[in-house]
Amino acid sequence: MAGRNQGEGGRESARRYNEDQRKFAKSGKVEHAAHEAKADPEAERKGRARAKELDPAVHRDYTKPEK
């Protein structure tokens, strides 16, 4: 089955991902990675700014005809 497209949520990909996550959790690097993620205030600012963007699907003017 190697090289065959399994589509979204393929079992082989899911198995590999889960295995990699278990290895990372057992590696002891989780605390360090969490600390590094918290130490980046610029990433926090960018994430919050993006969350405030206008969603055109929510704020659509239905009085105008679509193209």
N, C-alpha and C. Protein backbone atom coordinates (compact mmCIF):
# COMPACT_ATOMS: atom_id res chain seq x y z
N MET A 1 0.83 -1.19 0.00
CA MET A 1 0.00 0.00 0.00
C MET A 1 0.87 1.25 0.00
N ALA A 2 2.17 1.08 0.00
CA ALA A 2 3.09 2.22 0.02
C ALA A 2 2.91 3.05 -1.25
N GLY A 3 2.83 4.37 -1.07
CA GLY A 3 2.70 5.27 -2.19
C GLY A 3 1.28 5.47 -2.68
N ARG A 4 0.34 4.79 -2.09
CA ARG A 4 -1.05 4.93 -2.50
C ARG A 4 -1.71 6.07 -1.74
N ASN A 5 -2.46 6.89 -2.42
CA ASN A 5 -3.15 8.00 -1.79
C ASN A 5 -4.31 7.47 -0.96
N GLN A 6 -4.27 7.76 0.32
CA GLN A 6 -5.33 7.29 1.22
C GLN A 6 -6.37 8.36 1.48
N GLY A 7 -6.16 9.55 0.96
CA GLY A 7 -7.11 10.63 1.17
C GLY A 7 -6.92 11.26 2.54
N GLU A 8 -7.80 12.18 2.85
CA GLU A 8 -7.71 12.88 4.13
C GLU A 8 -7.98 11.91 5.26
N GLY A 9 -7.14 11.96 6.28
CA GLY A 9 -7.32 11.09 7.43
C GLY A 9 -6.90 9.66 7.16
N GLY A 10 -5.91 9.47 6.30
CA GLY A 10 -5.45 8.12 5.98
C GLY A 10 -4.91 7.40 7.21
N ARG A 11 -5.15 6.13 7.30
CA ARG A 11 -4.75 5.35 8.47
C ARG A 11 -3.24 5.32 8.66
N GLU A 12 -2.51 5.17 7.58
CA GLU A 12 -1.05 5.11 7.68
C GLU A 12 -0.49 6.43 8.21
N SER A 13 -0.99 7.54 7.70
CA SER A 13 -0.54 8.85 8.17
C SER A 13 -0.90 9.06 9.64
N ALA A 14 -2.09 8.67 10.01
CA ALA A 14 -2.54 8.81 11.40
C ALA A 14 -1.67 7.97 12.32
N ARG A 15 -1.34 6.75 11.90
CA ARG A 15 -0.50 5.88 12.71
C ARG A 15 0.88 6.49 12.89
N ARG A 16 1.46 7.01 11.81
CA ARG A 16 2.79 7.64 11.89
C ARG A 16 2.76 8.86 12.79
N TYR A 17 1.73 9.69 12.64
CA TYR A 17 1.60 10.89 13.46
C TYR A 17 1.50 10.52 14.94
N ASN A 18 0.63 9.57 15.27
CA ASN A 18 0.46 9.17 16.66
C ASN A 18 1.74 8.60 17.24
N GLU A 19 2.45 7.83 16.45
CA GLU A 19 3.71 7.25 16.91
C GLU A 19 4.74 8.36 17.19
N ASP A 20 4.81 9.33 16.29
CA ASP A 20 5.74 10.45 16.49
C ASP A 20 5.38 11.26 17.74
N GLN A 21 4.08 11.45 17.98
CA GLN A 21 3.65 12.20 19.16
C GLN A 21 4.01 11.47 20.44
N ARG A 22 3.85 10.15 20.45
CA ARG A 22 4.23 9.36 21.63
C ARG A 22 5.73 9.45 21.89
N LYS A 23 6.52 9.35 20.82
CA LYS A 23 7.98 9.45 20.97
C LYS A 23 8.37 10.81 21.55
N PHE A 24 7.74 11.87 21.04
CA PHE A 24 8.05 13.22 21.53
C PHE A 24 7.67 13.35 23.00
N ALA A 25 6.50 12.84 23.37
CA ALA A 25 6.06 12.93 24.76
C ALA A 25 7.00 12.19 25.69
N LYS A 26 7.52 11.05 25.26
CA LYS A 26 8.43 10.26 26.08
C LYS A 26 9.86 10.81 26.07
N SER A 27 10.17 11.71 25.12
CA SER A 27 11.54 12.21 24.99
C SER A 27 11.93 13.17 26.12
N GLY A 28 10.95 13.73 26.82
CA GLY A 28 11.25 14.67 27.89
C GLY A 28 11.43 16.09 27.39
N LYS A 29 11.12 16.36 26.13
CA LYS A 29 11.30 17.70 25.56
C LYS A 29 10.02 18.54 25.61
N VAL A 30 8.96 17.99 26.18
CA VAL A 30 7.68 18.68 26.18
C VAL A 30 7.74 19.97 26.99
N GLU A 31 8.29 19.91 28.20
CA GLU A 31 8.37 21.09 29.06
C GLU A 31 9.18 22.20 28.38
N HIS A 32 10.29 21.84 27.79
CA HIS A 32 11.13 22.83 27.11
C HIS A 32 10.38 23.46 25.93
N ALA A 33 9.69 22.65 25.14
CA ALA A 33 8.95 23.16 23.99
C ALA A 33 7.82 24.08 24.45
N ALA A 34 7.15 23.72 25.54
CA ALA A 34 6.08 24.56 26.06
C ALA A 34 6.62 25.89 26.56
N HIS A 35 7.77 25.84 27.22
CA HIS A 35 8.40 27.07 27.70
C HIS A 35 8.81 27.96 26.53
N GLU A 36 9.38 27.38 25.49
CA GLU A 36 9.78 28.14 24.32
C GLU A 36 8.58 28.77 23.63
N ALA A 37 7.48 28.05 23.57
CA ALA A 37 6.28 28.58 22.93
C ALA A 37 5.72 29.76 23.71
N LYS A 38 5.77 29.70 25.04
CA LYS A 38 5.28 30.80 25.86
C LYS A 38 6.19 32.02 25.80
N ALA A 39 7.45 31.80 25.51
CA ALA A 39 8.43 32.89 25.54
C ALA A 39 8.41 33.75 24.28
N ASP A 40 7.48 33.53 23.37
CA ASP A 40 7.44 34.29 22.12
C ASP A 40 6.22 35.21 22.11
N PRO A 41 6.35 36.42 22.69
CA PRO A 41 5.20 37.33 22.76
C PRO A 41 4.76 37.83 21.38
N GLU A 42 5.68 37.86 20.42
CA GLU A 42 5.33 38.30 19.07
C GLU A 42 4.33 37.33 18.43
N ALA A 43 4.52 36.05 18.64
CA ALA A 43 3.60 35.06 18.10
C ALA A 43 2.22 35.22 18.74
N GLU A 44 2.20 35.51 20.01
CA GLU A 44 0.93 35.74 20.71
C GLU A 44 0.21 36.94 20.12
N ARG A 45 0.94 38.02 19.89
CA ARG A 45 0.34 39.23 19.32
C ARG A 45 -0.21 38.96 17.92
N LYS A 46 0.57 38.25 17.10
CA LYS A 46 0.12 37.95 15.74
C LYS A 46 -1.13 37.07 15.75
N GLY A 47 -1.16 36.11 16.64
CA GLY A 47 -2.32 35.23 16.74
C GLY A 47 -3.58 35.98 17.14
N ARG A 48 -3.43 36.87 18.09
CA ARG A 48 -4.59 37.65 18.53
C ARG A 48 -5.06 38.62 17.45
N ALA A 49 -4.11 39.23 16.72
CA ALA A 49 -4.48 40.16 15.66
C ALA A 49 -5.24 39.44 14.55
N ARG A 50 -4.78 38.25 14.22
CA ARG A 50 -5.46 37.50 13.16
C ARG A 50 -6.86 37.08 13.58
N ALA A 51 -7.05 36.81 14.86
CA ALA A 51 -8.36 36.40 15.35
C ALA A 51 -9.37 37.54 15.23
N LYS A 52 -8.90 38.77 15.14
CA LYS A 52 -9.80 39.93 15.06
C LYS A 52 -10.14 40.32 13.62
N GLU A 53 -9.60 39.60 12.64
CA GLU A 53 -9.88 39.93 11.25
C GLU A 53 -11.36 39.76 10.93
N LEU A 54 -11.81 40.49 9.95
CA LEU A 54 -13.19 40.43 9.51
C LEU A 54 -13.45 39.14 8.74
N ASP A 55 -14.48 38.42 9.10
CA ASP A 55 -14.85 37.20 8.41
C ASP A 55 -15.92 37.56 7.39
N PRO A 56 -15.60 37.50 6.09
CA PRO A 56 -16.57 37.91 5.08
C PRO A 56 -17.82 37.02 5.05
N ALA A 57 -17.71 35.81 5.50
CA ALA A 57 -18.89 34.93 5.51
C ALA A 57 -19.89 35.38 6.57
N VAL A 58 -19.41 36.01 7.62
CA VAL A 58 -20.29 36.45 8.69
C VAL A 58 -20.86 37.84 8.38
N HIS A 59 -20.02 38.70 7.82
CA HIS A 59 -20.39 40.09 7.58
C HIS A 59 -20.61 40.33 6.08
N ARG A 60 -21.50 39.57 5.49
CA ARG A 60 -21.75 39.70 4.06
C ARG A 60 -22.95 40.62 3.83
N ASP A 61 -22.85 41.46 2.81
CA ASP A 61 -23.94 42.34 2.43
C ASP A 61 -24.80 41.60 1.40
N TYR A 62 -25.91 41.06 1.84
CA TYR A 62 -26.74 40.26 0.96
C TYR A 62 -27.60 41.10 0.01
N THR A 63 -27.54 42.42 0.16
CA THR A 63 -28.31 43.27 -0.76
C THR A 63 -27.57 43.41 -2.09
N LYS A 64 -26.27 43.14 -2.12
CA LYS A 64 -25.49 43.21 -3.36
C LYS A 64 -25.51 41.83 -4.03
N PRO A 65 -25.75 41.80 -5.35
CA PRO A 65 -25.68 40.51 -6.04
C PRO A 65 -24.24 40.01 -6.15
N GLU A 66 -24.07 38.72 -6.05
CA GLU A 66 -22.73 38.14 -6.18
C GLU A 66 -22.41 38.00 -7.66
N LYS A 67 -21.13 37.94 -7.96
CA LYS A 67 -20.69 37.83 -9.35
C LYS A 67 -20.98 36.48 -9.92
